[in-house]
N, C-alpha and C. Protein backbone atom coordinates (compact mmCIF):
# COMPACT_ATOMS: atom_id res chain seq x y z
N MET A 1 105.23 59.55 86.84
CA MET A 1 105.02 60.62 87.27
C MET A 1 105.91 61.07 88.50
N ILE A 2 106.32 62.22 88.32
CA ILE A 2 107.31 62.74 89.30
C ILE A 2 107.03 63.98 90.27
N ASP A 3 106.86 63.73 91.25
CA ASP A 3 106.05 64.60 91.94
C ASP A 3 106.48 64.48 93.67
N ASP A 4 106.89 65.14 94.32
CA ASP A 4 107.54 65.35 95.62
C ASP A 4 106.27 64.75 96.71
N ASN A 5 104.85 65.07 96.36
CA ASN A 5 103.88 64.75 97.25
C ASN A 5 103.21 63.61 96.90
N LYS A 6 103.53 62.77 97.74
CA LYS A 6 103.26 61.25 97.59
C LYS A 6 101.74 61.04 97.48
N GLU A 7 100.97 61.91 98.13
CA GLU A 7 99.50 61.61 98.10
C GLU A 7 99.03 61.83 96.88
N ILE A 8 99.41 62.96 96.12
CA ILE A 8 99.15 63.28 94.88
C ILE A 8 99.41 62.07 93.86
N THR A 9 100.92 61.51 93.96
CA THR A 9 101.19 60.65 92.85
C THR A 9 100.43 59.31 93.16
N GLU A 10 100.32 59.14 94.54
CA GLU A 10 99.43 57.69 94.82
C GLU A 10 98.23 57.77 94.32
N MET A 11 97.45 58.97 94.27
CA MET A 11 95.94 59.20 94.07
C MET A 11 95.96 59.28 92.59
N VAL A 12 96.94 60.11 91.73
CA VAL A 12 96.64 59.99 90.09
C VAL A 12 97.05 58.59 89.58
N CYS A 13 98.04 58.03 90.08
CA CYS A 13 98.37 56.67 89.72
C CYS A 13 97.38 55.65 89.75
N PHE A 14 96.62 55.58 90.99
CA PHE A 14 95.66 54.78 91.41
C PHE A 14 94.40 55.09 90.34
N PHE A 15 94.35 56.09 90.11
CA PHE A 15 92.86 56.66 89.20
C PHE A 15 93.60 55.91 87.61
N LEU A 16 94.69 56.17 87.25
CA LEU A 16 95.06 55.84 85.87
C LEU A 16 95.23 54.49 85.97
N GLU A 17 95.61 53.59 86.76
CA GLU A 17 95.74 52.20 86.75
C GLU A 17 94.22 51.58 86.69
N SER A 18 93.20 52.39 87.24
CA SER A 18 91.94 51.65 87.23
C SER A 18 91.25 51.99 86.02
N GLN A 19 92.07 53.05 85.04
CA GLN A 19 91.73 53.14 83.30
C GLN A 19 92.50 52.35 82.76
N ASN A 20 93.25 51.39 83.07
CA ASN A 20 94.18 50.47 82.64
C ASN A 20 95.44 51.35 81.60
N ILE A 21 95.67 52.51 82.51
CA ILE A 21 97.13 53.21 82.23
C ILE A 21 97.91 52.90 83.14
N SER A 22 99.14 52.07 82.85
CA SER A 22 100.06 51.96 83.86
C SER A 22 100.97 53.27 84.14
N CYS A 23 101.20 53.31 85.61
CA CYS A 23 101.82 54.75 86.08
C CYS A 23 102.76 54.16 87.19
N LYS A 24 104.06 54.74 87.24
CA LYS A 24 105.15 54.83 88.02
C LYS A 24 104.95 56.01 89.02
N GLU A 25 105.28 55.86 90.30
CA GLU A 25 105.46 56.99 90.94
C GLU A 25 106.90 57.22 91.61
N VAL A 26 107.34 58.49 91.01
CA VAL A 26 108.49 58.76 91.59
C VAL A 26 108.61 60.08 92.52
N ASN A 27 109.03 60.13 93.70
CA ASN A 27 108.73 61.19 94.62
C ASN A 27 110.09 62.11 94.98
N ASP A 28 111.05 62.06 93.97
CA ASP A 28 112.52 62.65 94.29
C ASP A 28 112.68 63.02 93.00
N GLY A 29 113.08 64.02 92.73
CA GLY A 29 113.62 64.81 91.62
C GLY A 29 114.87 64.02 90.91
N LYS A 30 115.90 63.75 91.60
CA LYS A 30 117.24 63.18 91.19
C LYS A 30 116.66 61.62 90.79
N GLU A 31 116.13 60.98 91.45
CA GLU A 31 115.44 59.57 90.90
C GLU A 31 114.63 59.73 89.65
N GLY A 32 113.77 60.69 89.49
CA GLY A 32 113.02 60.88 88.57
C GLY A 32 114.00 61.06 87.17
N LEU A 33 114.88 61.96 87.31
CA LEU A 33 115.79 61.98 86.16
C LEU A 33 116.72 60.82 85.90
N GLU A 34 117.18 60.22 86.80
CA GLU A 34 117.54 58.74 86.58
C GLU A 34 116.73 57.84 85.65
N ARG A 35 115.47 57.93 86.21
CA ARG A 35 114.32 56.99 85.64
C ARG A 35 114.11 57.56 84.07
N ILE A 36 114.23 58.70 83.99
CA ILE A 36 114.06 59.30 82.41
C ILE A 36 115.14 58.80 81.61
N ARG A 37 116.38 58.77 82.19
CA ARG A 37 117.65 58.66 81.53
C ARG A 37 117.70 57.02 80.95
N ASN A 38 117.31 56.38 82.01
CA ASN A 38 117.40 54.76 81.79
C ASN A 38 115.97 53.81 81.26
N GLU A 39 114.79 54.96 81.34
CA GLU A 39 113.62 53.83 81.04
C GLU A 39 112.82 54.47 79.79
N LYS A 40 111.89 53.97 79.28
CA LYS A 40 111.21 54.76 78.39
C LYS A 40 109.67 54.81 78.78
N PHE A 41 108.89 56.08 78.74
CA PHE A 41 107.68 56.41 79.09
C PHE A 41 106.91 56.74 77.95
N ASP A 42 105.65 56.44 78.12
CA ASP A 42 104.63 57.18 76.97
C ASP A 42 104.44 58.64 77.36
N VAL A 43 104.56 59.10 78.70
CA VAL A 43 104.26 60.41 79.24
C VAL A 43 105.00 60.55 80.32
N ILE A 44 105.45 61.78 80.59
CA ILE A 44 105.99 62.00 82.10
C ILE A 44 105.24 63.13 82.42
N LEU A 45 104.70 62.99 83.72
CA LEU A 45 103.95 64.23 84.41
C LEU A 45 104.92 64.62 85.28
N LEU A 46 105.55 65.88 85.08
CA LEU A 46 106.72 66.59 85.77
C LEU A 46 106.22 67.73 86.81
N ASP A 47 106.38 67.61 87.94
CA ASP A 47 105.89 68.62 89.08
C ASP A 47 107.19 69.50 88.88
N LEU A 48 107.00 71.01 88.99
CA LEU A 48 108.32 71.99 88.81
C LEU A 48 108.68 72.18 90.37
N THR A 49 107.77 72.28 91.28
CA THR A 49 108.48 72.58 92.47
C THR A 49 108.41 71.66 93.73
N MET A 50 109.56 71.25 93.61
CA MET A 50 110.13 70.17 94.48
C MET A 50 111.57 70.39 95.06
N PRO A 51 111.44 69.65 96.23
CA PRO A 51 112.75 70.19 97.39
C PRO A 51 113.90 69.60 96.70
N ASP A 52 114.97 70.12 96.86
CA ASP A 52 116.43 69.50 96.59
C ASP A 52 116.71 69.51 94.99
N TYR A 53 115.67 68.78 94.43
CA TYR A 53 116.05 68.66 92.87
C TYR A 53 114.79 68.99 92.32
N SER A 54 114.57 70.27 91.51
CA SER A 54 113.28 70.62 91.03
C SER A 54 112.75 70.23 89.38
N GLY A 55 111.62 70.32 89.30
CA GLY A 55 111.35 69.80 87.67
C GLY A 55 112.18 70.89 86.80
N TYR A 56 112.68 72.01 87.37
CA TYR A 56 113.38 73.12 86.59
C TYR A 56 114.57 72.34 86.33
N ASP A 57 115.27 71.93 87.51
CA ASP A 57 116.73 71.07 87.38
C ASP A 57 116.50 69.90 86.40
N ILE A 58 115.36 69.14 86.47
CA ILE A 58 115.25 68.10 85.80
C ILE A 58 115.20 68.48 84.00
N PHE A 59 114.48 69.68 83.80
CA PHE A 59 114.26 70.21 82.60
C PHE A 59 115.63 70.77 81.85
N ASN A 60 116.28 71.35 82.83
CA ASN A 60 117.85 71.81 82.26
C ASN A 60 118.57 70.75 81.85
N ASP A 61 118.70 69.62 82.67
CA ASP A 61 119.76 68.54 82.55
C ASP A 61 119.04 67.86 81.24
N LEU A 62 117.87 67.36 81.10
CA LEU A 62 117.50 66.99 80.08
C LEU A 62 117.89 67.51 78.69
N LYS A 63 117.51 69.08 78.92
CA LYS A 63 117.80 69.86 77.58
C LYS A 63 119.42 69.85 77.46
N GLN A 64 120.25 69.90 78.35
CA GLN A 64 121.75 69.93 78.11
C GLN A 64 122.10 68.52 77.41
N GLU A 65 121.19 67.34 78.11
CA GLU A 65 121.81 66.15 77.43
C GLU A 65 120.97 65.47 76.36
N ASN A 66 120.36 66.61 75.65
CA ASN A 66 119.54 66.46 74.40
C ASN A 66 118.45 65.41 74.48
N LEU A 67 117.93 65.10 75.72
CA LEU A 67 116.88 64.08 75.68
C LEU A 67 115.66 64.62 75.99
N LEU A 68 115.32 65.94 75.92
CA LEU A 68 113.94 66.75 76.34
C LEU A 68 113.07 66.45 74.99
N LYS A 69 113.63 66.55 74.09
CA LYS A 69 112.48 66.35 72.88
C LYS A 69 112.10 64.89 72.46
N GLN A 70 112.73 63.90 72.73
CA GLN A 70 112.33 62.73 72.61
C GLN A 70 111.57 62.17 73.74
N ASN A 71 111.05 63.27 74.91
CA ASN A 71 110.44 62.39 75.90
C ASN A 71 109.17 63.08 75.89
N ASN A 72 107.84 62.73 76.02
CA ASN A 72 106.62 63.36 76.00
C ASN A 72 106.47 64.13 77.67
N ILE A 73 107.08 64.93 78.09
CA ILE A 73 107.00 65.49 79.15
C ILE A 73 105.88 66.75 79.27
N ILE A 74 104.93 66.21 80.30
CA ILE A 74 103.84 67.39 80.51
C ILE A 74 104.25 67.71 81.77
N LEU A 75 104.13 69.20 81.96
CA LEU A 75 104.35 69.96 83.09
C LEU A 75 103.29 69.75 83.93
N PHE A 76 103.32 69.26 85.38
CA PHE A 76 101.97 69.20 86.13
C PHE A 76 102.39 69.85 87.56
N THR A 77 101.76 70.93 87.66
CA THR A 77 102.41 72.03 88.56
C THR A 77 101.14 72.89 89.03
N ALA A 78 101.39 73.42 90.46
CA ALA A 78 100.37 74.18 90.96
C ALA A 78 100.97 75.56 91.01
N SER A 79 102.37 75.67 90.71
CA SER A 79 103.11 76.94 90.50
C SER A 79 102.70 77.82 89.28
N TYR A 80 102.74 79.11 89.78
CA TYR A 80 102.60 80.06 88.78
C TYR A 80 103.76 80.24 87.81
N ILE A 81 103.47 80.05 86.52
CA ILE A 81 104.43 80.27 85.28
C ILE A 81 104.00 81.22 84.55
N VAL A 82 104.87 82.19 84.26
CA VAL A 82 104.21 83.08 83.39
C VAL A 82 104.20 82.60 81.93
N ASP A 83 103.33 83.05 81.07
CA ASP A 83 103.27 82.52 79.59
C ASP A 83 104.21 82.39 78.67
N ASP A 84 105.18 83.54 78.80
CA ASP A 84 106.39 83.70 78.17
C ASP A 84 107.53 82.36 78.31
N ASP A 85 107.35 81.91 79.64
CA ASP A 85 108.57 80.71 80.25
C ASP A 85 107.55 79.54 79.61
N ILE A 86 106.22 79.25 79.56
CA ILE A 86 105.41 78.36 79.12
C ILE A 86 105.73 77.99 77.65
N LYS A 87 105.93 79.03 76.92
CA LYS A 87 106.09 79.17 75.42
C LYS A 87 107.57 78.77 75.22
N LYS A 88 108.42 79.24 75.78
CA LYS A 88 110.03 78.86 75.78
C LYS A 88 110.24 77.65 76.21
N MET A 89 109.61 76.99 77.08
CA MET A 89 109.72 75.61 77.60
C MET A 89 109.17 74.51 76.54
N ILE A 90 108.17 74.92 75.93
CA ILE A 90 107.56 74.13 74.69
C ILE A 90 108.29 74.20 73.53
N GLU A 91 108.66 75.28 73.38
CA GLU A 91 109.69 75.50 72.09
C GLU A 91 110.96 74.52 72.13
N GLU A 92 111.16 74.34 73.55
CA GLU A 92 112.64 73.58 74.02
C GLU A 92 112.27 72.28 73.99
N GLY A 93 110.75 71.53 73.81
CA GLY A 93 110.47 70.18 73.95
C GLY A 93 109.58 69.75 74.93
N ILE A 94 109.29 70.55 76.06
CA ILE A 94 108.08 70.05 76.73
C ILE A 94 106.75 70.16 75.89
N LYS A 95 105.83 69.14 76.22
CA LYS A 95 104.46 68.74 75.38
C LYS A 95 103.44 69.67 75.74
N GLY A 96 103.69 70.10 77.07
CA GLY A 96 102.21 70.83 77.15
C GLY A 96 102.38 71.10 78.90
N ILE A 97 101.19 71.63 79.51
CA ILE A 97 101.34 71.96 80.81
C ILE A 97 99.78 71.61 81.56
N ILE A 98 99.94 71.12 82.75
CA ILE A 98 98.62 70.80 83.41
C ILE A 98 98.75 71.36 84.81
N LYS A 99 97.76 72.26 85.02
CA LYS A 99 97.91 73.11 86.26
C LYS A 99 97.10 72.62 87.25
N LYS A 100 97.48 72.43 88.26
CA LYS A 100 96.76 71.83 89.51
C LYS A 100 96.14 72.81 89.94
N PRO A 101 94.87 72.61 90.74
CA PRO A 101 94.00 71.58 90.66
C PRO A 101 93.63 71.12 89.05
N VAL A 102 93.59 69.68 88.95
CA VAL A 102 93.12 69.23 87.73
C VAL A 102 92.21 67.96 88.02
N SER A 103 91.06 67.87 87.26
CA SER A 103 90.14 66.50 87.23
C SER A 103 91.13 65.54 86.63
N VAL A 104 91.04 64.24 87.31
CA VAL A 104 91.77 63.12 86.90
C VAL A 104 91.50 62.59 85.42
N ASP A 105 89.92 63.16 85.07
CA ASP A 105 89.43 62.74 83.85
C ASP A 105 90.37 63.57 82.63
N ASP A 106 90.56 65.16 82.95
CA ASP A 106 91.40 65.73 82.02
C ASP A 106 92.93 65.13 81.98
N ILE A 107 93.49 64.42 83.12
CA ILE A 107 94.78 64.08 83.02
C ILE A 107 94.77 62.79 82.12
N VAL A 108 93.65 62.07 82.21
CA VAL A 108 93.62 60.72 81.24
C VAL A 108 93.52 61.28 79.79
N ARG A 109 92.63 62.38 79.62
CA ARG A 109 92.54 62.70 78.28
C ARG A 109 93.66 63.08 77.59
N ILE A 110 94.64 64.00 78.28
CA ILE A 110 95.86 64.26 77.76
C ILE A 110 96.94 63.00 77.88
N ILE A 111 97.03 62.23 78.65
CA ILE A 111 97.70 61.14 78.44
C ILE A 111 97.32 60.25 77.06
N GLU A 112 96.17 60.15 76.72
CA GLU A 112 95.62 59.24 75.82
C GLU A 112 96.12 59.79 74.40
N GLU A 113 96.48 61.31 74.30
CA GLU A 113 96.81 61.85 73.32
C GLU A 113 98.12 61.54 72.94
N PHE A 114 99.00 60.99 73.91
CA PHE A 114 100.30 60.51 73.42
C PHE A 114 100.63 59.11 73.55
N LYS A 115 99.30 58.34 73.61
CA LYS A 115 99.60 56.51 73.38
C LYS A 115 99.60 56.39 72.30
């Protein structure tokens, strides 16, 4: 899970781990990109709006490096995104979007689809 809000990553990861789903927290976009490049994850929850290095930056870098489609990246954001942008990002390899606020049960359900 890549999100600059530490409280959110801690809460979501705590709940996921209580459901026997392993979760790694990353609160920095550049660190998140490096982890994606070097590790394999079943699902990556990616916040779009982060300071310094955003989820959009990560998306664009992964797209340029041809790493987007081989990762199960779910956008996890409270930001407004127009439907055409969502459609385009899905066509380019994003697997879906979860809009905050969301119940942790819904997060688990979506993650389970990719296990």
